[in-house]
């Protein structure tokens, strides 16, 4: 399985973001344990799990870049410059993909 297939699944899943509001439980947890796992899934059950250490960014350029790239954020955040909106940056250290036919995870080689 290639990284390109992982990217394709993420696109087909339709959504996924590591943005949140500052002060949320998610941000508090990442301050305590700066590691997370994120899952993108198709309705058929095929999914990819991406995990790694995280940092929280309130940088205006980071916020604007994610806001512009993900149209669904506009449904939840009127103005990306508000201080409550932050971006969670993950540096993947493990990527696994599962097909529902065999229920086995396949490790995806990181670039």
C-alpha atoms as a PDB file:
ATOM      1  CA  UNK A   1       0.000   0.000   0.000  1.00  0.00           C
ATOM      2  CA  UNK A   2       1.347   3.390  -0.899  1.00  0.00           C
ATOM      3  CA  UNK A   3       1.111   6.806   0.651  1.00  0.00           C
ATOM      4  CA  UNK A   4      -0.843   7.870  -2.448  1.00  0.00           C
ATOM      5  CA  UNK A   5      -3.596   5.363  -1.575  1.00  0.00           C
ATOM      6  CA  UNK A   6      -3.693   6.796   1.950  1.00  0.00           C
ATOM      7  CA  UNK A   7      -4.104  10.295   0.529  1.00  0.00           C
ATOM      8  CA  UNK A   8      -6.857   9.025  -1.763  1.00  0.00           C
ATOM      9  CA  UNK A   9      -8.768   7.507   1.154  1.00  0.00           C
ATOM     10  CA  UNK A  10      -8.435  10.721   3.122  1.00  0.00           C
ATOM     11  CA  UNK A  11      -9.903  12.626   0.166  1.00  0.00           C
ATOM     12  CA  UNK A  12     -12.732  10.122  -0.311  1.00  0.00           C
ATOM     13  CA  UNK A  13     -13.586  10.202   3.405  1.00  0.00           C
ATOM     14  CA  UNK A  14     -14.760  13.736   2.780  1.00  0.00           C
ATOM     15  CA  UNK A  15     -13.511  15.447   5.918  1.00  0.00           C
ATOM     16  CA  UNK A  16     -10.876  15.481   8.558  1.00  0.00           C
ATOM     17  CA  UNK A  17      -9.146  18.255  10.385  1.00  0.00           C
ATOM     18  CA  UNK A  18      -6.907  18.810  13.341  1.00  0.00           C
ATOM     19  CA  UNK A  19      -8.294  22.246  14.132  1.00  0.00           C
ATOM     20  CA  UNK A  20     -10.120  23.064  17.331  1.00  0.00           C
ATOM     21  CA  UNK A  21     -10.981  25.845  19.733  1.00  0.00           C
ATOM     22  CA  UNK A  22      -8.400  26.914  22.278  1.00  0.00           C
ATOM     23  CA  UNK A  23      -9.493  25.871  25.747  1.00  0.00           C
ATOM     24  CA  UNK A  24     -11.291  22.725  24.546  1.00  0.00           C
ATOM     25  CA  UNK A  25     -10.803  19.329  26.171  1.00  0.00           C
ATOM     26  CA  UNK A  26      -8.812  18.273  23.109  1.00  0.00           C
ATOM     27  CA  UNK A  27      -6.305  21.097  23.577  1.00  0.00           C
ATOM     28  CA  UNK A  28      -6.047  20.442  27.323  1.00  0.00           C
ATOM     29  CA  UNK A  29      -5.344  16.757  26.649  1.00  0.00           C
ATOM     30  CA  UNK A  30      -2.662  17.618  24.085  1.00  0.00           C
ATOM     31  CA  UNK A  31      -0.958  19.903  26.582  1.00  0.00           C
ATOM     32  CA  UNK A  32      -0.830  16.964  29.014  1.00  0.00           C
ATOM     33  CA  UNK A  33       0.034  14.284  26.429  1.00  0.00           C
ATOM     34  CA  UNK A  34       1.221  15.804  23.127  1.00  0.00           C
ATOM     35  CA  UNK A  35       0.468  12.726  21.014  1.00  0.00           C
ATOM     36  CA  UNK A  36      -2.676  11.812  19.100  1.00  0.00           C
ATOM     37  CA  UNK A  37      -4.157   9.416  16.574  1.00  0.00           C
ATOM     38  CA  UNK A  38      -6.486  10.511  13.826  1.00  0.00           C
ATOM     39  CA  UNK A  39      -8.728   8.232  11.788  1.00  0.00           C
ATOM     40  CA  UNK A  40     -10.198   8.772   8.332  1.00  0.00           C
ATOM     41  CA  UNK A  41     -12.859   6.201   7.407  1.00  0.00           C
ATOM     42  CA  UNK A  42     -14.991   5.330   4.408  1.00  0.00           C
ATOM     43  CA  UNK A  43     -18.573   4.113   4.931  1.00  0.00           C
ATOM     44  CA  UNK A  44     -17.505   0.633   3.766  1.00  0.00           C
ATOM     45  CA  UNK A  45     -15.117   0.321   6.703  1.00  0.00           C
ATOM     46  CA  UNK A  46     -11.754   0.890   5.032  1.00  0.00           C
ATOM     47  CA  UNK A  47      -9.850   3.342   7.158  1.00  0.00           C
ATOM     48  CA  UNK A  48      -6.466   4.877   7.817  1.00  0.00           C
ATOM     49  CA  UNK A  49      -5.010   5.702  11.231  1.00  0.00           C
ATOM     50  CA  UNK A  50      -2.333   8.353  11.482  1.00  0.00           C
ATOM     51  CA  UNK A  51      -0.549   8.939  14.772  1.00  0.00           C
ATOM     52  CA  UNK A  52       2.248  11.115  16.030  1.00  0.00           C
ATOM     53  CA  UNK A  53       3.338  13.938  18.288  1.00  0.00           C
ATOM     54  CA  UNK A  54       1.354  17.173  18.105  1.00  0.00           C
ATOM     55  CA  UNK A  55       1.900  20.852  18.673  1.00  0.00           C
ATOM     56  CA  UNK A  56      -0.716  23.578  18.964  1.00  0.00           C
ATOM     57  CA  UNK A  57      -0.326  26.613  16.730  1.00  0.00           C
ATOM     58  CA  UNK A  58      -2.052  29.967  17.027  1.00  0.00           C
ATOM     59  CA  UNK A  59       0.047  31.340  14.150  1.00  0.00           C
ATOM     60  CA  UNK A  60      -2.136  33.463  11.841  1.00  0.00           C
ATOM     61  CA  UNK A  61      -0.641  31.937   8.677  1.00  0.00           C
ATOM     62  CA  UNK A  62      -1.292  28.372   9.902  1.00  0.00           C
ATOM     63  CA  UNK A  63      -4.846  29.267  10.824  1.00  0.00           C
ATOM     64  CA  UNK A  64      -5.567  30.974   7.495  1.00  0.00           C
ATOM     65  CA  UNK A  65      -3.995  28.163   5.444  1.00  0.00           C
ATOM     66  CA  UNK A  66      -6.171  25.484   7.074  1.00  0.00           C
ATOM     67  CA  UNK A  67      -9.255  27.709   7.009  1.00  0.00           C
ATOM     68  CA  UNK A  68      -8.855  28.354   3.273  1.00  0.00           C
ATOM     69  CA  UNK A  69      -8.091  24.695   2.481  1.00  0.00           C
ATOM     70  CA  UNK A  70     -11.077  23.263   4.370  1.00  0.00           C
ATOM     71  CA  UNK A  71     -14.410  24.842   3.356  1.00  0.00           C
ATOM     72  CA  UNK A  72     -16.335  23.068   6.140  1.00  0.00           C
ATOM     73  CA  UNK A  73     -14.495  25.131   8.767  1.00  0.00           C
ATOM     74  CA  UNK A  74     -16.448  28.157   7.564  1.00  0.00           C
ATOM     75  CA  UNK A  75     -19.600  26.480   8.908  1.00  0.00           C
ATOM     76  CA  UNK A  76     -18.131  26.569  12.430  1.00  0.00           C
ATOM     77  CA  UNK A  77     -15.730  29.512  12.458  1.00  0.00           C
ATOM     78  CA  UNK A  78     -16.767  32.899  11.097  1.00  0.00           C
ATOM     79  CA  UNK A  79     -13.349  34.521  11.424  1.00  0.00           C
ATOM     80  CA  UNK A  80     -10.081  32.538  11.453  1.00  0.00           C
ATOM     81  CA  UNK A  81      -8.337  35.360  13.295  1.00  0.00           C
ATOM     82  CA  UNK A  82     -10.204  34.796  16.558  1.00  0.00           C
ATOM     83  CA  UNK A  83      -7.848  33.661  19.347  1.00  0.00           C
ATOM     84  CA  UNK A  84     -10.077  30.696  20.217  1.00  0.00           C
ATOM     85  CA  UNK A  85      -9.323  29.040  16.847  1.00  0.00           C
ATOM     86  CA  UNK A  86      -6.034  27.126  16.859  1.00  0.00           C
ATOM     87  CA  UNK A  87      -4.456  24.523  14.601  1.00  0.00           C
ATOM     88  CA  UNK A  88      -3.166  21.212  15.870  1.00  0.00           C
ATOM     89  CA  UNK A  89      -0.097  20.161  13.876  1.00  0.00           C
ATOM     90  CA  UNK A  90       0.747  16.476  13.835  1.00  0.00           C
ATOM     91  CA  UNK A  91       4.058  15.007  12.719  1.00  0.00           C
ATOM     92  CA  UNK A  92       3.083  11.460  11.727  1.00  0.00           C
ATOM     93  CA  UNK A  93       5.302   8.729  13.113  1.00  0.00           C
ATOM     94  CA  UNK A  94       2.986   5.858  12.155  1.00  0.00           C
ATOM     95  CA  UNK A  95       0.388   5.307   9.430  1.00  0.00           C
ATOM     96  CA  UNK A  96      -1.742   2.171   9.225  1.00  0.00           C
ATOM     97  CA  UNK A  97      -4.494   1.253   6.791  1.00  0.00           C
ATOM     98  CA  UNK A  98      -7.170  -1.432   7.160  1.00  0.00           C
ATOM     99  CA  UNK A  99      -9.339  -3.005   4.498  1.00  0.00           C
ATOM    100  CA  UNK A 100     -12.571  -4.467   5.906  1.00  0.00           C
ATOM    101  CA  UNK A 101     -12.152  -7.671   3.877  1.00  0.00           C
ATOM    102  CA  UNK A 102      -9.213  -9.019   5.876  1.00  0.00           C
ATOM    103  CA  UNK A 103      -9.427  -6.860   9.061  1.00  0.00           C
ATOM    104  CA  UNK A 104      -5.628  -6.600   9.148  1.00  0.00           C
ATOM    105  CA  UNK A 105      -3.681  -3.374   9.413  1.00  0.00           C
ATOM    106  CA  UNK A 106      -1.001  -2.654   6.887  1.00  0.00           C
ATOM    107  CA  UNK A 107       1.860  -0.370   7.893  1.00  0.00           C
ATOM    108  CA  UNK A 108       2.433   2.456   5.424  1.00  0.00           C
ATOM    109  CA  UNK A 109       6.015   3.536   4.941  1.00  0.00           C
ATOM    110  CA  UNK A 110       6.599   7.135   5.928  1.00  0.00           C
ATOM    111  CA  UNK A 111       8.489   9.330   3.455  1.00  0.00           C
END
